[in-house]
Amino acid sequence: MTEKPALNPTLVFEFVRVSHGDLERVGQLLEHEPALANAAWDWGGGDWETGLGAAAHMGRADIANFLLARGARLDIFAAAMLGKTAIAKAAVADNPNILTVPGPHGISLIAHAQAGGEPAIEVLQFLEKNL
């Protein structure tokens, strides 16, 4: 495997930061550096967050879907926010402990589903029933 240079940390930090709510800037940064789609920032103490993770806990389905369309790796927290019930059910069936595993910033899976609003209500009800 060929080693690639690390992404510029300043760029990664900005990308994750703006992924909390600025779709236009997310697009600009991805156009400049497509590898940011899966870049992660450590906020300290192992609190790793990707752009998708940022969008997920903020309930920004527009940003999450934009990132997924550009190669971001779907995780259970984003799936919950986006209302992907089949994925949530499969994850819980495979690993019931996932219900209490904290996401970025320690935010729970249920809180991610809550952030998704109406499209995620079925996931939220499922998670609450199984907690």
C-alpha atoms as a PDB file:
ATOM      1  CA  MET A   1       0.000   0.000   0.000  1.00  0.00           C
ATOM      2  CA  THR A   2       1.299   3.434  -0.927  1.00  0.00           C
ATOM      3  CA  GLU A   3       1.556   5.900   1.919  1.00  0.00           C
ATOM      4  CA  LYS A   4      -0.350   9.111   1.404  1.00  0.00           C
ATOM      5  CA  PRO A   5       0.502  12.347   3.173  1.00  0.00           C
ATOM      6  CA  ALA A   6      -1.682  13.287   6.128  1.00  0.00           C
ATOM      7  CA  LEU A   7      -4.363  15.876   5.516  1.00  0.00           C
ATOM      8  CA  ASN A   8      -3.649  19.370   6.748  1.00  0.00           C
ATOM      9  CA  PRO A   9      -4.923  19.435  10.374  1.00  0.00           C
ATOM     10  CA  THR A  10      -6.164  23.010  10.026  1.00  0.00           C
ATOM     11  CA  LEU A  11      -8.271  21.949   7.044  1.00  0.00           C
ATOM     12  CA  VAL A  12      -9.632  18.894   8.895  1.00  0.00           C
ATOM     13  CA  PHE A  13     -10.537  21.032  11.907  1.00  0.00           C
ATOM     14  CA  GLU A  14     -12.371  23.578   9.751  1.00  0.00           C
ATOM     15  CA  PHE A  15     -14.183  20.843   7.814  1.00  0.00           C
ATOM     16  CA  VAL A  16     -15.494  19.098  10.932  1.00  0.00           C
ATOM     17  CA  ARG A  17     -16.389  22.431  12.540  1.00  0.00           C
ATOM     18  CA  VAL A  18     -18.411  23.692   9.553  1.00  0.00           C
ATOM     19  CA  SER A  19     -20.065  20.298   9.075  1.00  0.00           C
ATOM     20  CA  HIS A  20     -22.139  21.154  12.142  1.00  0.00           C
ATOM     21  CA  GLY A  21     -24.182  23.551  10.034  1.00  0.00           C
ATOM     22  CA  ASP A  22     -22.657  25.176   6.928  1.00  0.00           C
ATOM     23  CA  LEU A  23     -23.494  23.116   3.842  1.00  0.00           C
ATOM     24  CA  GLU A  24     -22.064  25.677   1.421  1.00  0.00           C
ATOM     25  CA  ARG A  25     -18.651  25.698   3.118  1.00  0.00           C
ATOM     26  CA  VAL A  26     -18.676  21.892   3.418  1.00  0.00           C
ATOM     27  CA  GLY A  27     -19.107  21.728  -0.351  1.00  0.00           C
ATOM     28  CA  GLN A  28     -16.295  24.195  -0.966  1.00  0.00           C
ATOM     29  CA  LEU A  29     -13.896  22.293   1.254  1.00  0.00           C
ATOM     30  CA  LEU A  30     -14.793  18.929  -0.281  1.00  0.00           C
ATOM     31  CA  GLU A  31     -14.269  20.353  -3.752  1.00  0.00           C
ATOM     32  CA  HIS A  32     -10.797  21.414  -2.662  1.00  0.00           C
ATOM     33  CA  GLU A  33     -10.008  18.140  -0.828  1.00  0.00           C
ATOM     34  CA  PRO A  34     -12.387  15.174  -1.404  1.00  0.00           C
ATOM     35  CA  ALA A  35     -10.595  13.054   1.225  1.00  0.00           C
ATOM     36  CA  LEU A  36     -12.144  15.260   3.906  1.00  0.00           C
ATOM     37  CA  ALA A  37     -15.352  13.221   3.519  1.00  0.00           C
ATOM     38  CA  ASN A  38     -13.913  10.710   6.009  1.00  0.00           C
ATOM     39  CA  ALA A  39     -11.458  12.873   7.925  1.00  0.00           C
ATOM     40  CA  ALA A  40     -11.818  12.938  11.709  1.00  0.00           C
ATOM     41  CA  TRP A  41     -10.861  15.504  14.318  1.00  0.00           C
ATOM     42  CA  ASP A  42      -9.920  14.627  17.888  1.00  0.00           C
ATOM     43  CA  TRP A  43     -11.502  17.249  20.127  1.00  0.00           C
ATOM     44  CA  GLY A  44      -9.456  15.841  22.990  1.00  0.00           C
ATOM     45  CA  GLY A  45      -9.464  12.716  25.058  1.00  0.00           C
ATOM     46  CA  GLY A  46     -10.298  10.526  22.079  1.00  0.00           C
ATOM     47  CA  ASP A  47     -13.472  12.449  21.213  1.00  0.00           C
ATOM     48  CA  TRP A  48     -13.134  11.794  17.483  1.00  0.00           C
ATOM     49  CA  GLU A  49     -15.648  13.381  15.131  1.00  0.00           C
ATOM     50  CA  THR A  50     -16.099  13.296  11.370  1.00  0.00           C
ATOM     51  CA  GLY A  51     -18.069  15.747   9.286  1.00  0.00           C
ATOM     52  CA  LEU A  52     -20.850  13.172   9.116  1.00  0.00           C
ATOM     53  CA  GLY A  53     -20.782  12.823  12.894  1.00  0.00           C
ATOM     54  CA  ALA A  54     -21.059  16.590  13.266  1.00  0.00           C
ATOM     55  CA  ALA A  55     -24.021  16.790  10.904  1.00  0.00           C
ATOM     56  CA  ALA A  56     -25.685  13.814  12.602  1.00  0.00           C
ATOM     57  CA  HIS A  57     -25.870  15.174  16.137  1.00  0.00           C
ATOM     58  CA  MET A  58     -26.998  18.553  14.820  1.00  0.00           C
ATOM     59  CA  GLY A  59     -29.861  16.977  12.867  1.00  0.00           C
ATOM     60  CA  ARG A  60     -28.486  18.271   9.574  1.00  0.00           C
ATOM     61  CA  ALA A  61     -29.784  15.621   7.181  1.00  0.00           C
ATOM     62  CA  ASP A  62     -28.935  17.883   4.243  1.00  0.00           C
ATOM     63  CA  ILE A  63     -25.251  17.906   5.154  1.00  0.00           C
ATOM     64  CA  ALA A  64     -25.258  14.210   6.101  1.00  0.00           C
ATOM     65  CA  ASN A  65     -26.795  13.176   2.783  1.00  0.00           C
ATOM     66  CA  PHE A  66     -24.406  15.459   0.894  1.00  0.00           C
ATOM     67  CA  LEU A  67     -21.446  13.797   2.621  1.00  0.00           C
ATOM     68  CA  LEU A  68     -22.788  10.271   2.087  1.00  0.00           C
ATOM     69  CA  ALA A  69     -23.206  11.008  -1.626  1.00  0.00           C
ATOM     70  CA  ARG A  70     -19.521  11.964  -1.674  1.00  0.00           C
ATOM     71  CA  GLY A  71     -18.182   8.848  -0.007  1.00  0.00           C
ATOM     72  CA  ALA A  72     -18.555   9.423   3.733  1.00  0.00           C
ATOM     73  CA  ARG A  73     -18.836   6.180   5.696  1.00  0.00           C
ATOM     74  CA  LEU A  74     -22.270   5.733   7.240  1.00  0.00           C
ATOM     75  CA  ASP A  75     -22.218   5.056  10.985  1.00  0.00           C
ATOM     76  CA  ILE A  76     -24.992   4.060  13.380  1.00  0.00           C
ATOM     77  CA  PHE A  77     -25.344   7.596  14.770  1.00  0.00           C
ATOM     78  CA  ALA A  78     -25.942   9.142  11.344  1.00  0.00           C
ATOM     79  CA  ALA A  79     -28.222   6.234  10.409  1.00  0.00           C
ATOM     80  CA  ALA A  80     -30.331   6.928  13.508  1.00  0.00           C
ATOM     81  CA  MET A  81     -30.584  10.648  12.719  1.00  0.00           C
ATOM     82  CA  LEU A  82     -31.525   9.908   9.112  1.00  0.00           C
ATOM     83  CA  GLY A  83     -34.298   7.529  10.160  1.00  0.00           C
ATOM     84  CA  LYS A  84     -32.712   4.368   8.773  1.00  0.00           C
ATOM     85  CA  THR A  85     -34.756   1.958  10.883  1.00  0.00           C
ATOM     86  CA  ALA A  86     -33.523  -1.260   9.270  1.00  0.00           C
ATOM     87  CA  ILE A  87     -29.923  -0.306  10.025  1.00  0.00           C
ATOM     88  CA  ALA A  88     -30.740   0.628  13.618  1.00  0.00           C
ATOM     89  CA  LYS A  89     -32.600  -2.637  14.166  1.00  0.00           C
ATOM     90  CA  ALA A  90     -29.788  -4.698  12.645  1.00  0.00           C
ATOM     91  CA  ALA A  91     -27.153  -2.925  14.747  1.00  0.00           C
ATOM     92  CA  VAL A  92     -29.101  -3.449  17.972  1.00  0.00           C
ATOM     93  CA  ALA A  93     -29.816  -7.090  17.110  1.00  0.00           C
ATOM     94  CA  ASP A  94     -26.124  -7.673  16.458  1.00  0.00           C
ATOM     95  CA  ASN A  95     -24.881  -5.686  19.454  1.00  0.00           C
ATOM     96  CA  PRO A  96     -27.492  -4.583  22.037  1.00  0.00           C
ATOM     97  CA  ASN A  97     -24.744  -2.642  23.849  1.00  0.00           C
ATOM     98  CA  ILE A  98     -24.783  -0.126  20.958  1.00  0.00           C
ATOM     99  CA  LEU A  99     -27.751   1.517  22.693  1.00  0.00           C
ATOM    100  CA  THR A 100     -25.432   2.940  25.341  1.00  0.00           C
ATOM    101  CA  VAL A 101     -22.246   3.521  23.334  1.00  0.00           C
ATOM    102  CA  PRO A 102     -21.615   7.277  23.211  1.00  0.00           C
ATOM    103  CA  GLY A 103     -21.091   9.051  19.918  1.00  0.00           C
ATOM    104  CA  PRO A 104     -19.076  12.207  19.302  1.00  0.00           C
ATOM    105  CA  HIS A 105     -19.032  14.511  22.348  1.00  0.00           C
ATOM    106  CA  GLY A 106     -20.625  11.683  24.339  1.00  0.00           C
ATOM    107  CA  ILE A 107     -23.980  12.244  22.611  1.00  0.00           C
ATOM    108  CA  SER A 108     -26.246   9.193  22.806  1.00  0.00           C
ATOM    109  CA  LEU A 109     -27.739   7.230  19.958  1.00  0.00           C
ATOM    110  CA  ILE A 110     -31.216   8.254  21.138  1.00  0.00           C
ATOM    111  CA  ALA A 111     -30.220  11.936  21.043  1.00  0.00           C
ATOM    112  CA  HIS A 112     -29.100  11.465  17.439  1.00  0.00           C
ATOM    113  CA  ALA A 113     -32.496  10.001  16.567  1.00  0.00           C
ATOM    114  CA  GLN A 114     -34.187  12.911  18.354  1.00  0.00           C
ATOM    115  CA  ALA A 115     -32.101  15.345  16.291  1.00  0.00           C
ATOM    116  CA  GLY A 116     -33.487  13.728  13.141  1.00  0.00           C
ATOM    117  CA  GLY A 117     -36.993  14.944  13.895  1.00  0.00           C
ATOM    118  CA  GLU A 118     -40.007  13.471  12.128  1.00  0.00           C
ATOM    119  CA  PRO A 119     -38.039  11.355   9.597  1.00  0.00           C
ATOM    120  CA  ALA A 120     -36.338   9.561  12.509  1.00  0.00           C
ATOM    121  CA  ILE A 121     -39.383   9.048  14.746  1.00  0.00           C
ATOM    122  CA  GLU A 122     -39.591   5.310  14.010  1.00  0.00           C
ATOM    123  CA  VAL A 123     -35.927   4.858  14.914  1.00  0.00           C
ATOM    124  CA  LEU A 124     -36.401   6.907  18.074  1.00  0.00           C
ATOM    125  CA  GLN A 125     -39.392   4.830  19.179  1.00  0.00           C
ATOM    126  CA  PHE A 126     -37.489   1.616  18.482  1.00  0.00           C
ATOM    127  CA  LEU A 127     -34.442   2.756  20.454  1.00  0.00           C
ATOM    128  CA  GLU A 128     -36.512   3.967  23.400  1.00  0.00           C
ATOM    129  CA  LYS A 129     -38.400   0.659  23.502  1.00  0.00           C
ATOM    130  CA  ASN A 130     -35.150  -1.324  23.533  1.00  0.00           C
ATOM    131  CA  LEU A 131     -33.109   0.785  25.956  1.00  0.00           C
END
